[in-house]
Amino acid sequence: MDKYLEFLLQPFQPCHWIDNLTVRLTLEQPDLLFFQVALKGDPLFLDQLPEAQPGNRAYGLWEETCFELFIGVDNCPGYIEWNLAATGDWNCFSFHSERTGMLTSDLLKLHSASSSSTPRSYLMNCRIQLPDSLQAIIRQCCLGVAAVLKSSDSTAYFALAHGLQADFHDRRYHQQVCLS
């Protein structure tokens, strides 16, 4: 694989059932982004995660366990949000500015998804198809990476960093990255 970026996500509040959550991104081809989620933690939570497979476009994914990617450009208020459920279901939205003007978007599409697990770890791999219009942008962009993890009795929010609230759309907590 080519150069990759790896992010260690931080919980908004202490989360006793997750020890570690990392996301790895690799631009495998100009039009294909590899997105990998690695979880380590309590087997009771990890065992409830379904086996991922290429899913369908679906709404409300953030209401359950969901992994999210936000792609924007510096000095431009608009951005794209990608949602991926542990099942492999997905969706993509575009925004004119922070949480404003949300529209369903075809800019990012799921190419493939799979997962594997051991008693204390879970690994999800997916490939996201990039259109021509995003191929240059993804190489140098403002990136947000986040996750909503829902157990039987609580919900945990993970991101690169947090403010006073768990708000994944707040670009002050995204990072400028170079992915090539």
N, C-alpha and C. Protein backbone atom coordinates (compact mmCIF):
# COMPACT_ATOMS: atom_id res chain seq x y z
N MET A 1 0.83 -1.20 0.00
CA MET A 1 0.00 0.00 0.00
C MET A 1 0.87 1.25 0.00
N ASP A 2 0.28 2.33 -0.41
CA ASP A 2 0.96 3.61 -0.41
C ASP A 2 1.04 4.18 0.99
N LYS A 3 1.50 5.41 1.07
CA LYS A 3 1.56 6.12 2.35
C LYS A 3 0.17 6.17 2.98
N TYR A 4 0.13 6.01 4.28
CA TYR A 4 -1.15 6.04 4.98
C TYR A 4 -1.08 7.05 6.11
N LEU A 5 -2.26 7.46 6.56
CA LEU A 5 -2.42 8.29 7.74
C LEU A 5 -3.14 7.46 8.78
N GLU A 6 -2.71 7.55 10.03
CA GLU A 6 -3.37 6.82 11.10
C GLU A 6 -3.75 7.80 12.20
N PHE A 7 -4.98 7.67 12.68
CA PHE A 7 -5.51 8.57 13.69
C PHE A 7 -5.95 7.77 14.91
N LEU A 8 -5.54 8.20 16.08
CA LEU A 8 -6.01 7.63 17.33
C LEU A 8 -7.14 8.52 17.82
N LEU A 9 -8.36 8.01 17.82
CA LEU A 9 -9.50 8.82 18.21
C LEU A 9 -9.65 8.86 19.72
N GLN A 10 -10.12 10.00 20.20
CA GLN A 10 -10.26 10.25 21.63
C GLN A 10 -11.73 10.21 22.03
N PRO A 11 -12.04 9.59 23.17
CA PRO A 11 -13.44 9.59 23.62
C PRO A 11 -13.82 10.97 24.16
N PHE A 12 -15.09 11.35 23.96
CA PHE A 12 -15.58 12.61 24.52
C PHE A 12 -15.63 12.52 26.04
N GLN A 13 -16.09 11.39 26.54
CA GLN A 13 -16.10 11.09 27.98
C GLN A 13 -15.42 9.74 28.16
N PRO A 14 -14.90 9.46 29.35
CA PRO A 14 -14.25 8.16 29.55
C PRO A 14 -15.16 7.01 29.10
N CYS A 15 -14.57 6.05 28.41
CA CYS A 15 -15.31 4.91 27.87
C CYS A 15 -14.60 3.64 28.33
N HIS A 16 -15.13 2.99 29.35
CA HIS A 16 -14.48 1.83 29.95
C HIS A 16 -14.49 0.59 29.07
N TRP A 17 -15.32 0.54 28.02
CA TRP A 17 -15.43 -0.65 27.21
C TRP A 17 -14.65 -0.59 25.89
N ILE A 18 -13.98 0.55 25.65
CA ILE A 18 -13.10 0.65 24.48
C ILE A 18 -11.72 1.09 24.97
N ASP A 19 -10.70 0.30 24.66
CA ASP A 19 -9.32 0.62 25.04
C ASP A 19 -8.65 1.51 24.00
N ASN A 20 -9.00 1.29 22.74
CA ASN A 20 -8.28 1.95 21.66
C ASN A 20 -9.14 1.94 20.40
N LEU A 21 -9.19 3.08 19.71
CA LEU A 21 -9.91 3.18 18.44
C LEU A 21 -9.01 3.94 17.48
N THR A 22 -8.57 3.27 16.42
CA THR A 22 -7.74 3.93 15.41
C THR A 22 -8.41 3.83 14.05
N VAL A 23 -8.14 4.84 13.23
CA VAL A 23 -8.61 4.86 11.84
C VAL A 23 -7.40 5.08 10.96
N ARG A 24 -7.30 4.27 9.93
CA ARG A 24 -6.20 4.39 8.96
C ARG A 24 -6.79 4.71 7.59
N LEU A 25 -6.20 5.69 6.92
CA LEU A 25 -6.62 6.08 5.57
C LEU A 25 -5.44 5.93 4.62
N THR A 26 -5.70 5.34 3.47
CA THR A 26 -4.68 5.19 2.44
C THR A 26 -5.31 5.50 1.09
N LEU A 27 -4.66 6.31 0.31
CA LEU A 27 -5.12 6.55 -1.06
C LEU A 27 -4.48 5.47 -1.92
N GLU A 28 -5.22 4.38 -2.15
CA GLU A 28 -4.68 3.22 -2.86
C GLU A 28 -4.51 3.50 -4.35
N GLN A 29 -5.45 4.21 -4.91
CA GLN A 29 -5.44 4.62 -6.32
C GLN A 29 -6.02 6.02 -6.34
N PRO A 30 -5.83 6.75 -7.41
CA PRO A 30 -6.39 8.12 -7.43
C PRO A 30 -7.89 8.17 -7.13
N ASP A 31 -8.61 7.09 -7.47
CA ASP A 31 -10.06 7.09 -7.27
C ASP A 31 -10.53 6.12 -6.18
N LEU A 32 -9.60 5.64 -5.31
CA LEU A 32 -9.98 4.65 -4.31
C LEU A 32 -9.30 4.94 -2.97
N LEU A 33 -10.12 5.25 -1.96
CA LEU A 33 -9.63 5.54 -0.61
C LEU A 33 -9.91 4.34 0.29
N PHE A 34 -8.85 3.81 0.90
CA PHE A 34 -8.97 2.71 1.86
C PHE A 34 -9.21 3.32 3.23
N PHE A 35 -10.25 2.85 3.93
CA PHE A 35 -10.68 3.35 5.22
C PHE A 35 -10.73 2.15 6.16
N GLN A 36 -9.88 2.14 7.18
CA GLN A 36 -9.82 1.01 8.10
C GLN A 36 -10.06 1.49 9.53
N VAL A 37 -10.93 0.78 10.24
CA VAL A 37 -11.22 1.06 11.64
C VAL A 37 -10.75 -0.12 12.47
N ALA A 38 -9.96 0.16 13.50
CA ALA A 38 -9.49 -0.89 14.41
C ALA A 38 -9.93 -0.54 15.83
N LEU A 39 -10.66 -1.45 16.44
CA LEU A 39 -11.14 -1.28 17.82
C LEU A 39 -10.51 -2.36 18.69
N LYS A 40 -10.14 -1.97 19.90
CA LYS A 40 -9.71 -2.93 20.92
C LYS A 40 -10.51 -2.61 22.17
N GLY A 41 -11.02 -3.64 22.81
CA GLY A 41 -11.81 -3.37 24.00
C GLY A 41 -12.52 -4.59 24.56
N ASP A 42 -13.60 -4.32 25.23
CA ASP A 42 -14.38 -5.32 25.94
C ASP A 42 -15.04 -6.29 24.94
N PRO A 43 -14.78 -7.59 25.10
CA PRO A 43 -15.38 -8.57 24.19
C PRO A 43 -16.91 -8.52 24.17
N LEU A 44 -17.54 -8.14 25.28
CA LEU A 44 -19.00 -8.06 25.29
C LEU A 44 -19.52 -7.04 24.29
N PHE A 45 -18.80 -5.92 24.13
CA PHE A 45 -19.20 -4.94 23.12
C PHE A 45 -18.78 -5.41 21.73
N LEU A 46 -17.55 -5.82 21.57
CA LEU A 46 -17.04 -6.20 20.25
C LEU A 46 -17.81 -7.36 19.65
N ASP A 47 -18.25 -8.30 20.49
CA ASP A 47 -19.01 -9.46 19.98
C ASP A 47 -20.36 -9.08 19.40
N GLN A 48 -20.90 -7.94 19.79
CA GLN A 48 -22.22 -7.53 19.27
C GLN A 48 -22.12 -6.86 17.90
N LEU A 49 -20.90 -6.51 17.47
CA LEU A 49 -20.75 -5.86 16.17
C LEU A 49 -20.99 -6.87 15.06
N PRO A 50 -21.79 -6.51 14.07
CA PRO A 50 -22.08 -7.45 12.98
C PRO A 50 -20.89 -7.59 12.03
N GLU A 51 -20.93 -8.61 11.25
CA GLU A 51 -19.92 -8.76 10.20
C GLU A 51 -20.27 -7.79 9.07
N ALA A 52 -19.30 -6.98 8.69
CA ALA A 52 -19.55 -5.99 7.64
C ALA A 52 -19.47 -6.64 6.27
N GLN A 53 -20.29 -6.15 5.39
CA GLN A 53 -20.25 -6.52 3.98
C GLN A 53 -20.75 -5.33 3.19
N PRO A 54 -20.49 -5.28 1.90
CA PRO A 54 -20.98 -4.12 1.15
C PRO A 54 -22.47 -3.94 1.37
N GLY A 55 -22.81 -2.82 1.97
CA GLY A 55 -24.20 -2.57 2.34
C GLY A 55 -24.90 -1.64 1.39
N ASN A 56 -26.00 -1.13 1.87
CA ASN A 56 -26.85 -0.24 1.10
C ASN A 56 -26.75 1.18 1.63
N ARG A 57 -27.14 2.11 0.81
CA ARG A 57 -27.26 3.48 1.27
C ARG A 57 -28.42 3.53 2.26
N ALA A 58 -28.16 4.13 3.43
CA ALA A 58 -29.17 4.16 4.49
C ALA A 58 -29.06 5.47 5.25
N TYR A 59 -30.12 5.84 5.94
CA TYR A 59 -30.16 7.08 6.72
C TYR A 59 -30.17 6.76 8.21
N GLY A 60 -29.78 7.74 9.02
CA GLY A 60 -29.81 7.59 10.47
C GLY A 60 -28.73 6.66 11.01
N LEU A 61 -27.67 6.47 10.27
CA LEU A 61 -26.62 5.52 10.69
C LEU A 61 -25.98 5.93 12.01
N TRP A 62 -25.90 7.23 12.29
CA TRP A 62 -25.27 7.72 13.51
C TRP A 62 -26.10 7.40 14.76
N GLU A 63 -27.29 6.85 14.58
CA GLU A 63 -28.11 6.45 15.72
C GLU A 63 -27.65 5.11 16.29
N GLU A 64 -26.78 4.42 15.60
CA GLU A 64 -26.18 3.16 16.06
C GLU A 64 -24.67 3.31 15.91
N THR A 65 -23.93 2.22 16.02
CA THR A 65 -22.48 2.29 15.83
C THR A 65 -22.20 2.71 14.39
N CYS A 66 -21.40 3.76 14.26
CA CYS A 66 -21.16 4.37 12.96
C CYS A 66 -19.79 5.05 12.96
N PHE A 67 -19.09 4.95 11.84
CA PHE A 67 -17.78 5.59 11.67
C PHE A 67 -17.95 6.69 10.64
N GLU A 68 -17.34 7.85 10.90
CA GLU A 68 -17.59 9.03 10.08
C GLU A 68 -16.31 9.68 9.62
N LEU A 69 -16.39 10.25 8.43
CA LEU A 69 -15.28 10.95 7.82
C LEU A 69 -15.82 12.27 7.27
N PHE A 70 -15.12 13.36 7.57
CA PHE A 70 -15.51 14.70 7.11
C PHE A 70 -14.37 15.23 6.25
N ILE A 71 -14.69 15.65 5.04
CA ILE A 71 -13.67 16.14 4.11
C ILE A 71 -14.03 17.56 3.69
N GLY A 72 -13.11 18.48 3.94
CA GLY A 72 -13.31 19.87 3.56
C GLY A 72 -12.02 20.46 3.02
N VAL A 73 -12.11 21.70 2.59
CA VAL A 73 -10.96 22.45 2.08
C VAL A 73 -10.82 23.70 2.93
N ASP A 74 -9.58 24.04 3.27
CA ASP A 74 -9.35 25.27 4.04
C ASP A 74 -9.98 26.47 3.33
N ASN A 75 -10.49 27.40 4.11
CA ASN A 75 -11.08 28.65 3.61
C ASN A 75 -12.31 28.42 2.74
N CYS A 76 -12.94 27.28 2.88
CA CYS A 76 -14.20 26.99 2.19
C CYS A 76 -15.13 26.38 3.21
N PRO A 77 -16.30 26.97 3.45
CA PRO A 77 -17.17 26.48 4.52
C PRO A 77 -17.85 25.14 4.22
N GLY A 78 -17.94 24.75 2.95
CA GLY A 78 -18.61 23.51 2.59
C GLY A 78 -17.75 22.30 2.88
N TYR A 79 -18.40 21.15 3.05
CA TYR A 79 -17.67 19.91 3.29
C TYR A 79 -18.56 18.72 2.99
N ILE A 80 -17.95 17.55 3.01
CA ILE A 80 -18.64 16.29 2.76
C ILE A 80 -18.56 15.44 4.02
N GLU A 81 -19.65 14.76 4.33
CA GLU A 81 -19.69 13.81 5.46
C GLU A 81 -19.96 12.42 4.91
N TRP A 82 -19.12 11.46 5.30
CA TRP A 82 -19.28 10.06 4.93
C TRP A 82 -19.62 9.27 6.19
N ASN A 83 -20.68 8.48 6.16
CA ASN A 83 -21.07 7.63 7.29
C ASN A 83 -20.99 6.17 6.88
N LEU A 84 -20.43 5.35 7.76
CA LEU A 84 -20.33 3.91 7.51
C LEU A 84 -20.74 3.17 8.77
N ALA A 85 -21.78 2.36 8.67
CA ALA A 85 -22.23 1.56 9.80
C ALA A 85 -21.40 0.28 9.88
N ALA A 86 -21.39 -0.34 11.05
CA ALA A 86 -20.66 -1.60 11.23
C ALA A 86 -21.20 -2.70 10.32
N THR A 87 -22.44 -2.57 9.87
CA THR A 87 -23.03 -3.55 8.95
C THR A 87 -22.49 -3.43 7.53
N GLY A 88 -21.92 -2.26 7.21
CA GLY A 88 -21.51 -1.97 5.84
C GLY A 88 -22.46 -1.01 5.14
N ASP A 89 -23.58 -0.69 5.77
CA ASP A 89 -24.46 0.34 5.20
C ASP A 89 -23.73 1.67 5.27
N TRP A 90 -24.07 2.58 4.37
CA TRP A 90 -23.32 3.83 4.25
C TRP A 90 -24.21 4.95 3.76
N ASN A 91 -23.66 6.17 3.85
CA ASN A 91 -24.30 7.32 3.23
C ASN A 91 -23.28 8.44 3.10
N CYS A 92 -23.60 9.40 2.27
CA CYS A 92 -22.74 10.55 2.02
C CYS A 92 -23.63 11.79 1.92
N PHE A 93 -23.17 12.87 2.56
CA PHE A 93 -23.91 14.14 2.55
C PHE A 93 -22.95 15.27 2.23
N SER A 94 -23.48 16.31 1.62
CA SER A 94 -22.70 17.54 1.44
C SER A 94 -23.38 18.63 2.26
N PHE A 95 -22.55 19.57 2.74
CA PHE A 95 -23.03 20.70 3.53
C PHE A 95 -22.48 21.99 2.93
N HIS A 96 -23.29 23.05 2.92
CA HIS A 96 -22.83 24.36 2.45
C HIS A 96 -21.91 25.01 3.48
N SER A 97 -22.22 24.78 4.75
CA SER A 97 -21.40 25.27 5.87
C SER A 97 -21.74 24.39 7.07
N GLU A 98 -21.14 24.69 8.22
CA GLU A 98 -21.31 23.82 9.38
C GLU A 98 -22.78 23.54 9.69
N ARG A 99 -23.16 22.27 9.49
CA ARG A 99 -24.52 21.76 9.75
C ARG A 99 -25.62 22.48 8.97
N THR A 100 -25.26 23.16 7.89
CA THR A 100 -26.23 23.93 7.11
C THR A 100 -26.25 23.45 5.66
N GLY A 101 -27.45 23.33 5.11
CA GLY A 101 -27.59 22.97 3.70
C GLY A 101 -27.28 21.52 3.41
N MET A 102 -27.62 20.63 4.32
CA MET A 102 -27.33 19.21 4.12
C MET A 102 -28.12 18.64 2.95
N LEU A 103 -27.38 17.98 2.05
CA LEU A 103 -27.99 17.28 0.92
C LEU A 103 -27.37 15.91 0.79
N THR A 104 -28.16 14.92 0.40
CA THR A 104 -27.60 13.61 0.08
C THR A 104 -26.69 13.80 -1.13
N SER A 105 -25.53 13.16 -1.08
CA SER A 105 -24.52 13.37 -2.12
C SER A 105 -24.07 12.04 -2.72
N ASP A 106 -23.72 12.08 -3.99
CA ASP A 106 -23.15 10.92 -4.67
C ASP A 106 -21.64 11.05 -4.84
N LEU A 107 -21.02 12.00 -4.14
CA LEU A 107 -19.58 12.22 -4.31
C LEU A 107 -18.74 11.04 -3.83
N LEU A 108 -19.14 10.41 -2.75
CA LEU A 108 -18.42 9.24 -2.24
C LEU A 108 -19.36 8.05 -2.26
N LYS A 109 -18.87 6.92 -2.74
CA LYS A 109 -19.68 5.70 -2.79
C LYS A 109 -18.88 4.54 -2.25
N LEU A 110 -19.57 3.63 -1.57
CA LEU A 110 -18.92 2.45 -1.03
C LEU A 110 -18.53 1.52 -2.17
N HIS A 111 -17.27 1.11 -2.19
CA HIS A 111 -16.76 0.17 -3.18
C HIS A 111 -16.75 -1.25 -2.61
N SER A 112 -16.27 -1.39 -1.35
CA SER A 112 -16.25 -2.70 -0.71
C SER A 112 -16.19 -2.52 0.81
N ALA A 113 -16.60 -3.56 1.53
CA ALA A 113 -16.54 -3.53 3.00
C ALA A 113 -16.41 -4.95 3.52
N SER A 114 -15.62 -5.10 4.58
CA SER A 114 -15.48 -6.40 5.25
C SER A 114 -15.01 -6.14 6.67
N SER A 115 -15.11 -7.17 7.51
CA SER A 115 -14.64 -7.02 8.88
C SER A 115 -14.14 -8.37 9.39
N SER A 116 -13.35 -8.30 10.44
CA SER A 116 -12.88 -9.50 11.12
C SER A 116 -12.76 -9.16 12.60
N SER A 117 -12.74 -10.19 13.44
CA SER A 117 -12.65 -9.92 14.86
C SER A 117 -11.96 -11.06 15.60
N THR A 118 -11.44 -10.71 16.76
CA THR A 118 -10.94 -11.67 17.75
C THR A 118 -11.68 -11.31 19.03
N PRO A 119 -11.49 -12.05 20.11
CA PRO A 119 -12.24 -11.71 21.32
C PRO A 119 -12.05 -10.26 21.82
N ARG A 120 -10.88 -9.66 21.62
CA ARG A 120 -10.66 -8.31 22.14
C ARG A 120 -10.39 -7.28 21.05
N SER A 121 -10.62 -7.63 19.77
CA SER A 121 -10.37 -6.65 18.71
C SER A 121 -11.35 -6.83 17.56
N TYR A 122 -11.54 -5.74 16.85
CA TYR A 122 -12.45 -5.69 15.70
C TYR A 122 -11.77 -4.84 14.64
N LEU A 123 -11.78 -5.34 13.41
CA LEU A 123 -11.15 -4.62 12.30
C LEU A 123 -12.16 -4.54 11.16
N MET A 124 -12.42 -3.31 10.70
CA MET A 124 -13.32 -3.10 9.57
C MET A 124 -12.55 -2.42 8.45
N ASN A 125 -12.63 -2.98 7.26
CA ASN A 125 -11.97 -2.41 6.09
C ASN A 125 -13.02 -2.03 5.06
N CYS A 126 -12.87 -0.85 4.50
CA CYS A 126 -13.74 -0.50 3.39
C CYS A 126 -12.95 0.33 2.38
N ARG A 127 -13.44 0.33 1.20
CA ARG A 127 -12.86 1.14 0.13
C ARG A 127 -13.95 2.07 -0.37
N ILE A 128 -13.57 3.33 -0.52
CA ILE A 128 -14.52 4.37 -0.92
C ILE A 128 -14.12 4.87 -2.30
N GLN A 129 -15.08 4.85 -3.20
CA GLN A 129 -14.86 5.32 -4.57
C GLN A 129 -14.87 6.84 -4.59
N LEU A 130 -13.84 7.44 -5.18
CA LEU A 130 -13.72 8.91 -5.27
C LEU A 130 -13.98 9.36 -6.70
N PRO A 131 -14.80 10.37 -6.90
CA PRO A 131 -15.00 10.90 -8.25
C PRO A 131 -13.81 11.77 -8.65
N ASP A 132 -13.72 12.07 -9.93
CA ASP A 132 -12.64 12.93 -10.44
C ASP A 132 -12.56 14.25 -9.67
N SER A 133 -13.70 14.81 -9.33
CA SER A 133 -13.73 16.13 -8.68
C SER A 133 -13.10 16.13 -7.29
N LEU A 134 -12.97 14.97 -6.65
CA LEU A 134 -12.38 14.91 -5.30
C LEU A 134 -10.95 14.38 -5.28
N GLN A 135 -10.47 13.89 -6.39
CA GLN A 135 -9.16 13.24 -6.39
C GLN A 135 -8.03 14.18 -6.04
N ALA A 136 -8.09 15.42 -6.45
CA ALA A 136 -7.05 16.38 -6.06
C ALA A 136 -7.29 16.90 -4.65
N ILE A 137 -8.55 17.11 -4.29
CA ILE A 137 -8.89 17.65 -2.97
C ILE A 137 -8.47 16.71 -1.85
N ILE A 138 -8.68 15.40 -2.03
CA ILE A 138 -8.40 14.43 -0.96
C ILE A 138 -6.90 14.39 -0.64
N ARG A 139 -6.07 14.79 -1.58
CA ARG A 139 -4.62 14.74 -1.35
C ARG A 139 -4.17 15.76 -0.30
N GLN A 140 -4.86 16.88 -0.23
CA GLN A 140 -4.56 17.89 0.78
C GLN A 140 -5.88 18.53 1.20
N CYS A 141 -6.34 18.14 2.38
CA CYS A 141 -7.67 18.59 2.80
C CYS A 141 -7.71 18.76 4.32
N CYS A 142 -8.84 19.27 4.77
CA CYS A 142 -9.13 19.39 6.19
C CYS A 142 -10.02 18.20 6.53
N LEU A 143 -9.54 17.34 7.42
CA LEU A 143 -10.18 16.05 7.64
C LEU A 143 -10.66 15.91 9.08
N GLY A 144 -11.88 15.44 9.23
CA GLY A 144 -12.42 15.06 10.52
C GLY A 144 -12.70 13.57 10.51
N VAL A 145 -12.34 12.89 11.58
CA VAL A 145 -12.57 11.45 11.69
C VAL A 145 -13.28 11.23 13.03
N ALA A 146 -14.35 10.46 13.03
CA ALA A 146 -15.14 10.31 14.25
C ALA A 146 -15.84 8.96 14.27
N ALA A 147 -16.38 8.64 15.43
CA ALA A 147 -17.15 7.40 15.59
C ALA A 147 -18.19 7.56 16.68
N VAL A 148 -19.32 6.92 16.46
CA VAL A 148 -20.36 6.77 17.48
C VAL A 148 -20.39 5.28 17.78
N LEU A 149 -20.16 4.92 19.03
CA LEU A 149 -20.20 3.51 19.43
C LEU A 149 -21.35 3.32 20.41
N LYS A 150 -22.27 2.46 20.04
CA LYS A 150 -23.46 2.26 20.86
C LYS A 150 -23.45 0.86 21.43
N SER A 151 -23.41 0.78 22.76
CA SER A 151 -23.51 -0.51 23.45
C SER A 151 -24.95 -0.71 23.90
N SER A 152 -25.21 -1.78 24.60
CA SER A 152 -26.58 -2.05 25.04
C SER A 152 -27.08 -1.01 26.05
N ASP A 153 -26.15 -0.34 26.76
CA ASP A 153 -26.59 0.59 27.80
C ASP A 153 -25.98 1.99 27.72
N SER A 154 -25.14 2.26 26.72
CA SER A 154 -24.60 3.62 26.62
C SER A 154 -24.09 3.90 25.21
N THR A 155 -23.79 5.16 24.97
CA THR A 155 -23.26 5.61 23.69
C THR A 155 -21.99 6.39 23.95
N ALA A 156 -20.95 6.11 23.16
CA ALA A 156 -19.68 6.81 23.29
C ALA A 156 -19.37 7.52 21.98
N TYR A 157 -18.78 8.71 22.10
CA TYR A 157 -18.44 9.53 20.95
C TYR A 157 -16.92 9.69 20.90
N PHE A 158 -16.33 9.36 19.77
CA PHE A 158 -14.89 9.46 19.58
C PHE A 158 -14.60 10.38 18.40
N ALA A 159 -13.52 11.15 18.52
CA ALA A 159 -13.09 12.04 17.43
C ALA A 159 -11.61 12.36 17.60
N LEU A 160 -11.08 13.10 16.65
CA LEU A 160 -9.68 13.52 16.73
C LEU A 160 -9.45 14.37 17.98
N ALA A 161 -10.40 15.24 18.28
CA ALA A 161 -10.37 16.11 19.45
C ALA A 161 -11.80 16.58 19.70
N HIS A 162 -12.04 17.12 20.89
CA HIS A 162 -13.38 17.57 21.25
C HIS A 162 -13.33 18.95 21.90
N GLY A 163 -14.42 19.68 21.75
CA GLY A 163 -14.61 20.91 22.49
C GLY A 163 -15.47 20.60 23.70
N LEU A 164 -16.34 21.55 24.06
CA LEU A 164 -17.21 21.36 25.21
C LEU A 164 -18.34 20.38 24.94
N GLN A 165 -18.62 20.12 23.65
CA GLN A 165 -19.64 19.17 23.25
C GLN A 165 -19.03 18.19 22.25
N ALA A 166 -19.65 17.04 22.12
CA ALA A 166 -19.24 16.08 21.09
C ALA A 166 -19.89 16.52 19.78
N ASP A 167 -19.20 17.34 19.03
CA ASP A 167 -19.72 17.89 17.78
C ASP A 167 -18.74 17.58 16.66
N PHE A 168 -19.00 16.53 15.92
CA PHE A 168 -18.09 16.09 14.86
C PHE A 168 -17.99 17.08 13.71
N HIS A 169 -18.97 17.94 13.55
CA HIS A 169 -18.99 18.90 12.45
C HIS A 169 -18.11 20.13 12.72
N ASP A 170 -17.70 20.33 13.93
CA ASP A 170 -16.92 21.51 14.30
C ASP A 170 -15.51 21.40 13.73
N ARG A 171 -15.23 22.17 12.69
CA ARG A 171 -13.97 22.03 11.96
C ARG A 171 -12.76 22.53 12.74
N ARG A 172 -12.98 23.17 13.87
CA ARG A 172 -11.84 23.54 14.73
C ARG A 172 -11.12 22.29 15.23
N TYR A 173 -11.82 21.15 15.20
CA TYR A 173 -11.25 19.91 15.70
C TYR A 173 -10.93 18.91 14.59
N HIS A 174 -10.87 19.39 13.37
CA HIS A 174 -10.42 18.59 12.23
C HIS A 174 -8.94 18.89 12.01
N GLN A 175 -8.29 18.12 11.16
CA GLN A 175 -6.86 18.29 10.91
C GLN A 175 -6.59 18.52 9.43
N GLN A 176 -5.62 19.37 9.17
CA GLN A 176 -5.12 19.56 7.81
C GLN A 176 -4.21 18.37 7.52
N VAL A 177 -4.47 17.65 6.42
CA VAL A 177 -3.68 16.45 6.10
C VAL A 177 -3.22 16.48 4.65
N CYS A 178 -2.19 15.71 4.40
CA CYS A 178 -1.69 15.51 3.05
C CYS A 178 -1.68 14.00 2.82
N LEU A 179 -2.52 13.54 1.94
CA LEU A 179 -2.67 12.11 1.66
C LEU A 179 -2.30 11.86 0.20
N SER A 180 -1.22 11.15 0.00
CA SER A 180 -0.82 10.87 -1.40
C SER A 180 -0.19 9.49 -1.49
